[in-house]
C-alpha atoms as a PDB file:
ATOM      1  CA  MET A   1      83.545 100.844  69.711  1.00  0.00           C
ATOM      2  CA  LYS A   2      86.022  99.403  67.117  1.00  0.00           C
ATOM      3  CA  GLN A   3      85.841  95.195  66.657  1.00  0.00           C
ATOM      4  CA  ALA A   4      88.498  92.992  66.418  1.00  0.00           C
ATOM      5  CA  THR A   5      90.461  92.080  62.769  1.00  0.00           C
ATOM      6  CA  THR A   6      91.699  89.227  61.316  1.00  0.00           C
ATOM      7  CA  LEU A   7      95.284  88.716  60.021  1.00  0.00           C
ATOM      8  CA  ASP A   8      93.931  89.087  56.403  1.00  0.00           C
ATOM      9  CA  GLU A   9      91.589  92.225  57.185  1.00  0.00           C
ATOM     10  CA  GLN A  10      94.840  93.642  59.102  1.00  0.00           C
ATOM     11  CA  ILE A  11      97.338  93.339  55.979  1.00  0.00           C
ATOM     12  CA  SER A  12      94.478  94.975  53.761  1.00  0.00           C
ATOM     13  CA  LEU A  13      93.720  97.895  56.291  1.00  0.00           C
ATOM     14  CA  LEU A  14      97.371  98.615  56.200  1.00  0.00           C
ATOM     15  CA  ARG A  15      97.786  98.322  52.566  1.00  0.00           C
ATOM     16  CA  SER A  16      95.153 100.794  51.901  1.00  0.00           C
ATOM     17  CA  ARG A  17      96.901 103.226  54.032  1.00  0.00           C
ATOM     18  CA  GLY A  18      99.837 102.679  51.784  1.00  0.00           C
ATOM     19  CA  ILE A  19     101.958 100.585  53.519  1.00  0.00           C
ATOM     20  CA  GLN A  20     104.223  98.125  51.026  1.00  0.00           C
ATOM     21  CA  ILE A  21     104.276  94.612  52.737  1.00  0.00           C
ATOM     22  CA  THR A  22     106.067  92.063  49.961  1.00  0.00           C
ATOM     23  CA  ASN A  23     105.162  89.017  51.748  1.00  0.00           C
ATOM     24  CA  GLU A  24     102.176  88.439  53.223  1.00  0.00           C
ATOM     25  CA  GLU A  25     103.020  85.338  55.060  1.00  0.00           C
ATOM     26  CA  LYS A  26     105.623  86.835  56.625  1.00  0.00           C
ATOM     27  CA  ALA A  27     103.557  89.513  57.503  1.00  0.00           C
ATOM     28  CA  LYS A  28     101.170  87.631  59.233  1.00  0.00           C
ATOM     29  CA  GLU A  29     104.235  86.047  61.414  1.00  0.00           C
ATOM     30  CA  VAL A  30     104.879  89.294  62.513  1.00  0.00           C
ATOM     31  CA  LEU A  31     101.697  90.708  63.523  1.00  0.00           C
ATOM     32  CA  MET A  32     101.165  87.075  65.207  1.00  0.00           C
ATOM     33  CA  ASP A  33     104.590  87.794  67.134  1.00  0.00           C
ATOM     34  CA  ILE A  34     104.364  91.837  67.775  1.00  0.00           C
ATOM     35  CA  GLY A  35     100.810  92.344  67.627  1.00  0.00           C
ATOM     36  CA  TYR A  36      99.156  94.934  65.368  1.00  0.00           C
ATOM     37  CA  TYR A  37      98.123  97.183  68.353  1.00  0.00           C
ATOM     38  CA  ARG A  38     102.171  97.117  69.653  1.00  0.00           C
ATOM     39  CA  LEU A  39     103.302  97.232  65.895  1.00  0.00           C
ATOM     40  CA  GLY A  40     101.181 100.590  65.672  1.00  0.00           C
ATOM     41  CA  PHE A  41     103.892 102.497  67.846  1.00  0.00           C
ATOM     42  CA  TYR A  42     106.174 101.443  65.551  1.00  0.00           C
ATOM     43  CA  LEU A  43     104.495 102.707  62.428  1.00  0.00           C
ATOM     44  CA  PHE A  44     103.783 106.333  63.721  1.00  0.00           C
ATOM     45  CA  PRO A  45     107.016 107.732  62.681  1.00  0.00           C
ATOM     46  CA  PHE A  46     105.833 107.305  59.231  1.00  0.00           C
ATOM     47  CA  GLU A  47     102.789 108.738  58.896  1.00  0.00           C
ATOM     48  CA  LYS A  48     102.606 112.181  57.399  1.00  0.00           C
ATOM     49  CA  SER A  49     101.446 113.787  60.577  1.00  0.00           C
ATOM     50  CA  TYR A  50     104.124 112.929  62.517  1.00  0.00           C
ATOM     51  CA  PRO A  51     104.569 113.726  65.743  1.00  0.00           C
ATOM     52  CA  ARG A  52     101.041 115.225  65.721  1.00  0.00           C
ATOM     53  CA  LEU A  53      98.558 113.065  67.941  1.00  0.00           C
ATOM     54  CA  ARG A  54      95.185 114.888  67.245  1.00  0.00           C
ATOM     55  CA  GLY A  55      93.241 114.325  63.778  1.00  0.00           C
ATOM     56  CA  ARG A  56      95.372 111.467  62.827  1.00  0.00           C
ATOM     57  CA  LYS A  57      94.244 110.142  59.636  1.00  0.00           C
ATOM     58  CA  HIS A  58      96.817 106.794  59.670  1.00  0.00           C
ATOM     59  CA  GLU A  59      97.993 107.950  55.994  1.00  0.00           C
ATOM     60  CA  TYR A  60     101.798 107.165  55.805  1.00  0.00           C
ATOM     61  CA  LYS A  61     104.722 108.593  53.536  1.00  0.00           C
ATOM     62  CA  ASP A  62     105.490 107.142  50.147  1.00  0.00           C
ATOM     63  CA  GLY A  63     107.800 104.557  49.982  1.00  0.00           C
ATOM     64  CA  THR A  64     106.648 103.431  53.729  1.00  0.00           C
ATOM     65  CA  LYS A  65     107.351  99.329  53.993  1.00  0.00           C
ATOM     66  CA  LEU A  66     105.973  97.545  56.946  1.00  0.00           C
ATOM     67  CA  SER A  67     109.894  95.673  57.524  1.00  0.00           C
ATOM     68  CA  ASP A  68     111.273  99.438  58.252  1.00  0.00           C
ATOM     69  CA  ALA A  69     108.346  99.339  61.083  1.00  0.00           C
ATOM     70  CA  VAL A  70     109.331  95.792  62.535  1.00  0.00           C
ATOM     71  CA  THR A  71     113.000  96.946  62.250  1.00  0.00           C
ATOM     72  CA  LEU A  72     112.667 100.039  64.379  1.00  0.00           C
ATOM     73  CA  TYR A  73     110.526  97.738  66.871  1.00  0.00           C
ATOM     74  CA  TYR A  74     113.560  94.711  66.602  1.00  0.00           C
ATOM     75  CA  TYR A  75     116.084  98.110  67.588  1.00  0.00           C
ATOM     76  CA  ASP A  76     114.167  99.357  70.237  1.00  0.00           C
ATOM     77  CA  PHE A  77     113.458  95.822  72.217  1.00  0.00           C
ATOM     78  CA  ASP A  78     117.143  95.390  71.415  1.00  0.00           C
ATOM     79  CA  LEU A  79     117.839  99.046  73.168  1.00  0.00           C
ATOM     80  CA  ARG A  80     115.455  97.712  76.379  1.00  0.00           C
ATOM     81  CA  ASN A  81     117.379  94.969  77.382  1.00  0.00           C
ATOM     82  CA  ILE A  82     120.751  96.825  76.844  1.00  0.00           C
ATOM     83  CA  LEU A  83     120.173  99.586  78.824  1.00  0.00           C
ATOM     84  CA  MET A  84     118.517  97.407  81.425  1.00  0.00           C
ATOM     85  CA  ARG A  85     121.248  95.641  82.064  1.00  0.00           C
ATOM     86  CA  TYR A  86     123.302  98.669  83.327  1.00  0.00           C
ATOM     87  CA  ILE A  87     120.286 100.429  84.791  1.00  0.00           C
ATOM     88  CA  ASN A  88     120.401  97.478  86.910  1.00  0.00           C
ATOM     89  CA  ARG A  89     123.869  97.417  88.474  1.00  0.00           C
ATOM     90  CA  ILE A  90     123.568 101.152  88.620  1.00  0.00           C
ATOM     91  CA  GLU A  91     120.400 100.652  91.190  1.00  0.00           C
ATOM     92  CA  VAL A  92     122.212  97.889  93.024  1.00  0.00           C
ATOM     93  CA  ALA A  93     125.420 100.511  93.351  1.00  0.00           C
ATOM     94  CA  PHE A  94     123.101 103.055  94.818  1.00  0.00           C
ATOM     95  CA  ARG A  95     121.354 100.632  96.843  1.00  0.00           C
ATOM     96  CA  THR A  96     124.388  99.557  98.123  1.00  0.00           C
ATOM     97  CA  TYR A  97     125.989 102.801  98.973  1.00  0.00           C
ATOM     98  CA  MET A  98     123.213 103.897 100.896  1.00  0.00           C
ATOM     99  CA  ILE A  99     123.046 101.048 103.182  1.00  0.00           C
ATOM    100  CA  TYR A 100     127.175 100.677 103.893  1.00  0.00           C
ATOM    101  CA  GLU A 101     127.622 104.508 104.181  1.00  0.00           C
ATOM    102  CA  LEU A 102     124.442 105.140 106.272  1.00  0.00           C
ATOM    103  CA  SER A 103     124.376 101.974 108.535  1.00  0.00           C
ATOM    104  CA  ASN A 104     127.742 102.908 109.450  1.00  0.00           C
ATOM    105  CA  LYS A 105     127.229 106.365 110.246  1.00  0.00           C
ATOM    106  CA  TYR A 106     124.280 105.365 112.335  1.00  0.00           C
ATOM    107  CA  LYS A 107     125.417 102.106 113.516  1.00  0.00           C
ATOM    108  CA  ASN A 108     123.709 102.313 117.130  1.00  0.00           C
ATOM    109  CA  GLU A 109     120.224 102.442 114.649  1.00  0.00           C
ATOM    110  CA  PRO A 110     120.332  99.903 112.641  1.00  0.00           C
ATOM    111  CA  THR A 111     116.968 101.284 110.943  1.00  0.00           C
ATOM    112  CA  TRP A 112     117.684 104.460 110.729  1.00  0.00           C
ATOM    113  CA  PHE A 113     115.560 104.619 107.811  1.00  0.00           C
ATOM    114  CA  MET A 114     112.574 104.739 110.610  1.00  0.00           C
ATOM    115  CA  SER A 115     114.344 107.392 112.602  1.00  0.00           C
ATOM    116  CA  PRO A 116     112.708 110.753 113.547  1.00  0.00           C
ATOM    117  CA  SER A 117     116.145 112.800 113.109  1.00  0.00           C
ATOM    118  CA  ILE A 118     117.190 111.040 109.897  1.00  0.00           C
ATOM    119  CA  MET A 119     114.096 111.004 108.368  1.00  0.00           C
ATOM    120  CA  SER A 120     111.291 113.404 106.854  1.00  0.00           C
ATOM    121  CA  HIS A 121     107.954 112.863 108.650  1.00  0.00           C
ATOM    122  CA  GLN A 122     106.510 111.999 105.903  1.00  0.00           C
ATOM    123  CA  PHE A 123     108.138 109.207 104.760  1.00  0.00           C
ATOM    124  CA  LEU A 124     107.956 107.854 108.193  1.00  0.00           C
ATOM    125  CA  GLN A 125     103.965 107.947 108.507  1.00  0.00           C
ATOM    126  CA  SER A 126     103.600 106.310 104.991  1.00  0.00           C
ATOM    127  CA  PHE A 127     106.232 103.518 105.682  1.00  0.00           C
ATOM    128  CA  ASP A 128     104.568 100.640 106.845  1.00  0.00           C
ATOM    129  CA  ASN A 129     101.317 101.214 104.282  1.00  0.00           C
ATOM    130  CA  GLU A 130     103.246 102.201 101.191  1.00  0.00           C
ATOM    131  CA  ILE A 131     106.643 100.128 102.292  1.00  0.00           C
ATOM    132  CA  TYR A 132     106.746  97.509 105.012  1.00  0.00           C
ATOM    133  CA  ASN A 133     103.340  96.755 104.320  1.00  0.00           C
ATOM    134  CA  ASP A 134     101.944  92.797 104.195  1.00  0.00           C
ATOM    135  CA  ASN A 135     103.393  91.868 101.411  1.00  0.00           C
ATOM    136  CA  PHE A 136     106.286  93.721 101.847  1.00  0.00           C
ATOM    137  CA  ARG A 137     106.898  90.707 105.172  1.00  0.00           C
ATOM    138  CA  LYS A 138     106.082  87.964 102.744  1.00  0.00           C
ATOM    139  CA  ASN A 139     109.547  88.383 101.483  1.00  0.00           C
ATOM    140  CA  PRO A 140     111.699  85.177 102.903  1.00  0.00           C
ATOM    141  CA  VAL A 141     114.260  86.572 104.185  1.00  0.00           C
ATOM    142  CA  ILE A 142     111.741  89.615 106.382  1.00  0.00           C
ATOM    143  CA  GLN A 143     109.955  86.449 107.371  1.00  0.00           C
ATOM    144  CA  ARG A 144     112.903  84.428 108.731  1.00  0.00           C
ATOM    145  CA  HIS A 145     114.261  88.026 110.271  1.00  0.00           C
ATOM    146  CA  HIS A 146     110.933  88.459 112.755  1.00  0.00           C
ATOM    147  CA  ARG A 147     110.561  84.502 113.135  1.00  0.00           C
ATOM    148  CA  LYS A 148     114.399  84.888 114.822  1.00  0.00           C
ATOM    149  CA  TYR A 149     113.983  88.129 116.159  1.00  0.00           C
ATOM    150  CA  ILE A 150     110.182  88.580 117.649  1.00  0.00           C
ATOM    151  CA  ASN A 151     110.355  91.757 119.351  1.00  0.00           C
ATOM    152  CA  ASP A 152     111.564  93.628 116.080  1.00  0.00           C
ATOM    153  CA  LYS A 153     109.274  95.499 114.542  1.00  0.00           C
ATOM    154  CA  TYR A 154     111.422  96.189 111.408  1.00  0.00           C
ATOM    155  CA  ALA A 155     114.273  94.083 109.800  1.00  0.00           C
ATOM    156  CA  PRO A 156     117.514  95.825 109.752  1.00  0.00           C
ATOM    157  CA  ALA A 157     118.924  98.352 107.061  1.00  0.00           C
ATOM    158  CA  TRP A 158     121.144  95.858 105.368  1.00  0.00           C
ATOM    159  CA  LYS A 159     117.965  93.489 104.883  1.00  0.00           C
ATOM    160  CA  THR A 160     114.631  96.062 104.615  1.00  0.00           C
ATOM    161  CA  ILE A 161     116.383  98.456 102.038  1.00  0.00           C
ATOM    162  CA  GLU A 162     118.006  95.353 100.101  1.00  0.00           C
ATOM    163  CA  PHE A 163     114.087  94.301  98.995  1.00  0.00           C
ATOM    164  CA  MET A 164     112.757  97.753  98.436  1.00  0.00           C
ATOM    165  CA  THR A 165     111.704  98.825  94.957  1.00  0.00           C
ATOM    166  CA  PHE A 166     113.929 101.167  92.940  1.00  0.00           C
ATOM    167  CA  GLY A 167     111.402 103.838  93.571  1.00  0.00           C
ATOM    168  CA  ASN A 168     110.941 103.320  97.374  1.00  0.00           C
ATOM    169  CA  VAL A 169     114.870 103.423  97.481  1.00  0.00           C
ATOM    170  CA  LEU A 170     115.233 106.481  95.742  1.00  0.00           C
ATOM    171  CA  LYS A 171     111.660 108.145  97.813  1.00  0.00           C
ATOM    172  CA  LEU A 172     114.235 106.900 101.011  1.00  0.00           C
ATOM    173  CA  TYR A 173     117.301 109.423  99.909  1.00  0.00           C
ATOM    174  CA  GLN A 174     114.970 111.657  98.908  1.00  0.00           C
ATOM    175  CA  ASN A 175     113.424 112.302 102.201  1.00  0.00           C
ATOM    176  CA  LEU A 176     116.798 112.173 104.177  1.00  0.00           C
ATOM    177  CA  LYS A 177     116.751 115.353 106.393  1.00  0.00           C
ATOM    178  CA  SER A 178     120.245 115.398 106.218  1.00  0.00           C
ATOM    179  CA  LEU A 179     121.948 117.186 103.258  1.00  0.00           C
ATOM    180  CA  ASP A 180     125.563 116.057 104.423  1.00  0.00           C
ATOM    181  CA  ASP A 181     124.054 112.448 104.104  1.00  0.00           C
ATOM    182  CA  LYS A 182     122.501 112.644 100.752  1.00  0.00           C
ATOM    183  CA  ARG A 183     125.465 114.247  99.488  1.00  0.00           C
ATOM    184  CA  THR A 184     128.140 111.161 101.087  1.00  0.00           C
ATOM    185  CA  ILE A 185     125.783 109.148  98.304  1.00  0.00           C
ATOM    186  CA  SER A 186     125.962 111.737  95.667  1.00  0.00           C
ATOM    187  CA  LYS A 187     129.161 112.223  96.338  1.00  0.00           C
ATOM    188  CA  ARG A 188     129.740 108.095  95.507  1.00  0.00           C
ATOM    189  CA  PHE A 189     128.824 108.797  91.972  1.00  0.00           C
ATOM    190  CA  GLY A 190     130.775 111.905  91.329  1.00  0.00           C
ATOM    191  CA  ILE A 191     128.188 114.218  91.743  1.00  0.00           C
ATOM    192  CA  ASN A 192     128.301 117.335  94.397  1.00  0.00           C
ATOM    193  CA  GLN A 193     124.670 118.903  93.831  1.00  0.00           C
ATOM    194  CA  THR A 194     122.002 116.130  95.296  1.00  0.00           C
ATOM    195  CA  MET A 195     119.247 118.451  92.985  1.00  0.00           C
ATOM    196  CA  VAL A 196     121.421 116.708  89.892  1.00  0.00           C
ATOM    197  CA  PHE A 197     121.614 113.449  91.245  1.00  0.00           C
ATOM    198  CA  GLU A 198     118.381 113.063  92.633  1.00  0.00           C
ATOM    199  CA  ASN A 199     117.072 114.208  88.926  1.00  0.00           C
ATOM    200  CA  TYR A 200     119.433 111.573  87.466  1.00  0.00           C
ATOM    201  CA  MET A 201     117.914 109.015  89.652  1.00  0.00           C
ATOM    202  CA  GLU A 202     114.797 109.714  88.524  1.00  0.00           C
ATOM    203  CA  THR A 203     115.633 109.634  84.773  1.00  0.00           C
ATOM    204  CA  ILE A 204     116.888 106.152  85.505  1.00  0.00           C
ATOM    205  CA  ARG A 205     113.700 105.132  87.228  1.00  0.00           C
ATOM    206  CA  ILE A 206     111.584 106.242  84.402  1.00  0.00           C
ATOM    207  CA  VAL A 207     113.584 104.544  81.812  1.00  0.00           C
ATOM    208  CA  ARG A 208     113.825 101.597  83.958  1.00  0.00           C
ATOM    209  CA  ASN A 209     109.802 101.171  84.241  1.00  0.00           C
ATOM    210  CA  LYS A 210     109.595 101.934  80.404  1.00  0.00           C
ATOM    211  CA  CYS A 211     112.039  98.946  79.662  1.00  0.00           C
ATOM    212  CA  ALA A 212     110.405  96.592  82.285  1.00  0.00           C
ATOM    213  CA  HIS A 213     107.233  97.033  80.964  1.00  0.00           C
ATOM    214  CA  GLY A 214     108.202  97.015  77.408  1.00  0.00           C
ATOM    215  CA  SER A 215     107.241 100.548  76.251  1.00  0.00           C
ATOM    216  CA  PRO A 216     108.406 101.999  73.176  1.00  0.00           C
ATOM    217  CA  LEU A 217     111.751 103.959  73.954  1.00  0.00           C
ATOM    218  CA  PHE A 218     112.271 105.660  70.846  1.00  0.00           C
ATOM    219  CA  ASP A 219     110.469 108.420  71.071  1.00  0.00           C
ATOM    220  CA  LEU A 220     110.801 108.711  75.364  1.00  0.00           C
ATOM    221  CA  THR A 221     109.354 112.326  76.437  1.00  0.00           C
ATOM    222  CA  LEU A 222     110.416 113.021  80.158  1.00  0.00           C
ATOM    223  CA  CYS A 223     107.952 114.554  82.399  1.00  0.00           C
ATOM    224  CA  LYS A 224     110.952 116.350  83.615  1.00  0.00           C
ATOM    225  CA  SER A 225     113.984 117.772  81.725  1.00  0.00           C
ATOM    226  CA  ILE A 226     117.203 116.410  82.416  1.00  0.00           C
ATOM    227  CA  LYS A 227     119.248 118.920  84.696  1.00  0.00           C
ATOM    228  CA  ASN A 228     122.749 120.023  83.263  1.00  0.00           C
ATOM    229  CA  GLY A 229     125.538 117.782  85.210  1.00  0.00           C
ATOM    230  CA  PRO A 230     128.539 115.516  84.904  1.00  0.00           C
ATOM    231  CA  ALA A 231     126.390 114.084  82.185  1.00  0.00           C
ATOM    232  CA  GLY A 232     126.617 116.735  79.917  1.00  0.00           C
ATOM    233  CA  ARG A 233     124.608 120.165  78.904  1.00  0.00           C
ATOM    234  CA  PHE A 234     121.043 119.585  77.157  1.00  0.00           C
ATOM    235  CA  SER A 235     119.585 122.045  75.186  1.00  0.00           C
ATOM    236  CA  ASN A 236     115.658 122.623  76.051  1.00  0.00           C
ATOM    237  CA  GLY A 237     114.930 120.331  72.854  1.00  0.00           C
ATOM    238  CA  GLU A 238     117.050 117.270  73.595  1.00  0.00           C
ATOM    239  CA  ALA A 239     116.761 117.727  78.010  1.00  0.00           C
ATOM    240  CA  SER A 240     113.561 115.538  77.873  1.00  0.00           C
ATOM    241  CA  HIS A 241     114.361 113.364  75.403  1.00  0.00           C
ATOM    242  CA  LEU A 242     116.065 109.565  74.792  1.00  0.00           C
ATOM    243  CA  SER A 243     119.558 111.096  74.078  1.00  0.00           C
ATOM    244  CA  ALA A 244     119.838 113.010  76.681  1.00  0.00           C
ATOM    245  CA  ALA A 245     118.930 110.011  79.336  1.00  0.00           C
ATOM    246  CA  ILE A 246     121.238 107.668  77.860  1.00  0.00           C
ATOM    247  CA  LYS A 247     123.710 110.206  78.371  1.00  0.00           C
ATOM    248  CA  VAL A 248     122.671 109.930  82.187  1.00  0.00           C
ATOM    249  CA  ILE A 249     122.826 106.440  82.363  1.00  0.00           C
ATOM    250  CA  LEU A 250     126.169 106.597  80.288  1.00  0.00           C
ATOM    251  CA  TYR A 251     127.683 108.705  83.221  1.00  0.00           C
ATOM    252  CA  MET A 252     126.287 107.058  85.790  1.00  0.00           C
ATOM    253  CA  ILE A 253     127.649 103.427  84.999  1.00  0.00           C
ATOM    254  CA  GLY A 254     131.292 104.920  83.956  1.00  0.00           C
ATOM    255  CA  THR A 255     131.590 106.108  87.342  1.00  0.00           C
ATOM    256  CA  ILE A 256     131.203 102.369  88.654  1.00  0.00           C
ATOM    257  CA  SER A 257     132.792 101.037  86.084  1.00  0.00           C
ATOM    258  CA  GLN A 258     134.746 102.126  82.699  1.00  0.00           C
ATOM    259  CA  ASN A 259     134.996  98.821  81.051  1.00  0.00           C
ATOM    260  CA  ARG A 260     130.954  98.796  81.813  1.00  0.00           C
ATOM    261  CA  GLN A 261     130.309 102.166  80.346  1.00  0.00           C
ATOM    262  CA  HIS A 262     133.063 101.369  77.030  1.00  0.00           C
ATOM    263  CA  ASP A 263     130.252  97.837  76.980  1.00  0.00           C
ATOM    264  CA  LEU A 264     127.035  99.828  77.131  1.00  0.00           C
ATOM    265  CA  LYS A 265     128.020 102.305  74.411  1.00  0.00           C
ATOM    266  CA  GLN A 266     129.565  99.841  72.094  1.00  0.00           C
ATOM    267  CA  GLY A 267     126.339  97.758  72.302  1.00  0.00           C
ATOM    268  CA  ILE A 268     124.002 100.468  71.621  1.00  0.00           C
ATOM    269  CA  GLU A 269     126.478 101.273  68.853  1.00  0.00           C
ATOM    270  CA  GLU A 270     126.307  97.431  67.276  1.00  0.00           C
ATOM    271  CA  ILE A 271     122.608  97.636  67.151  1.00  0.00           C
ATOM    272  CA  THR A 272     122.327 100.797  65.545  1.00  0.00           C
ATOM    273  CA  THR A 273     124.556  99.251  62.823  1.00  0.00           C
ATOM    274  CA  ILE A 274     122.638  95.893  62.287  1.00  0.00           C
ATOM    275  CA  ALA A 275     119.223  98.168  62.424  1.00  0.00           C
ATOM    276  CA  LEU A 276     120.587 100.893  59.931  1.00  0.00           C
ATOM    277  CA  THR A 277     121.817  98.295  57.626  1.00  0.00           C
ATOM    278  CA  LYS A 278     118.294  96.128  57.719  1.00  0.00           C
ATOM    279  CA  SER A 279     116.931  99.414  57.264  1.00  0.00           C
ATOM    280  CA  PRO A 280     118.570 102.734  56.165  1.00  0.00           C
ATOM    281  CA  GLU A 281     115.281 104.625  55.818  1.00  0.00           C
ATOM    282  CA  ILE A 282     114.731 104.675  59.879  1.00  0.00           C
ATOM    283  CA  GLU A 283     118.462 106.130  60.391  1.00  0.00           C
ATOM    284  CA  TRP A 284     116.377 109.855  60.829  1.00  0.00           C
ATOM    285  CA  ILE A 285     114.214 108.345  63.973  1.00  0.00           C
ATOM    286  CA  ILE A 286     117.464 106.721  65.551  1.00  0.00           C
ATOM    287  CA  LYS A 287     119.870 109.463  64.792  1.00  0.00           C
ATOM    288  CA  LYS A 288     119.117 111.345  67.249  1.00  0.00           C
ATOM    289  CA  PHE A 289     120.221 109.086  70.061  1.00  0.00           C
ATOM    290  CA  GLN A 290     123.495 107.873  68.828  1.00  0.00           C
ATOM    291  CA  LEU A 291     126.178 108.119  70.563  1.00  0.00           C
END
């Protein structure tokens, strides 16, 4: 097992691999701010063997500068923050549409999310353990509901769904029995095909989790390709990459607000311009998801 290294050792190692470091003190500051291991994700594109993972020798292309990897890191950081802001808006709208439309359709069933005629058997069987468990019941709003309505097994949809995770709200949608119910929600986003809508929302969920956990975005590869739809038609090479995911997010936020769609596009363009001004050498890395 490898041992931990000091800042001086890390700088020496980077230099031995061909990385140019002009300011050691600044480099130490960066390494303590970002971390040697995390920075490695942003140095990876500069390796001679990129994007191959097997048999890596950590040999870098001639002229590779530490500052270029740092610029890529901060670009990625800014991109995550921007995307998260608009993904949150999409998530809230998705949650709100579902609560409003289905709670009004099933007025006599305030806990319609537990109705066998509305939801799949699998969802109902797992609901108590996976969603409405002891931890969920600790939510102050849910606690107050049960103190006031002691005979209610569940809080009504507008309370329960409000505090479910994005992933669980999506799972709820996927387990609706009625295609009409699904389409009622998807058409709010201008999508008639529910499978395309589910694919878009799953893509957004994955990007959201990557953003929330600080994972690198610039080389994102999705497990499932993005389907062709109103967000665009994608080639096999693009359908599982960040560029297509951003186009999905742009489309979805545009169905909520054209102004916010413009703001998102402008925000990405601005951070791209700043990054390329600092490090023109990274253009080939980020141009694949420029808009």
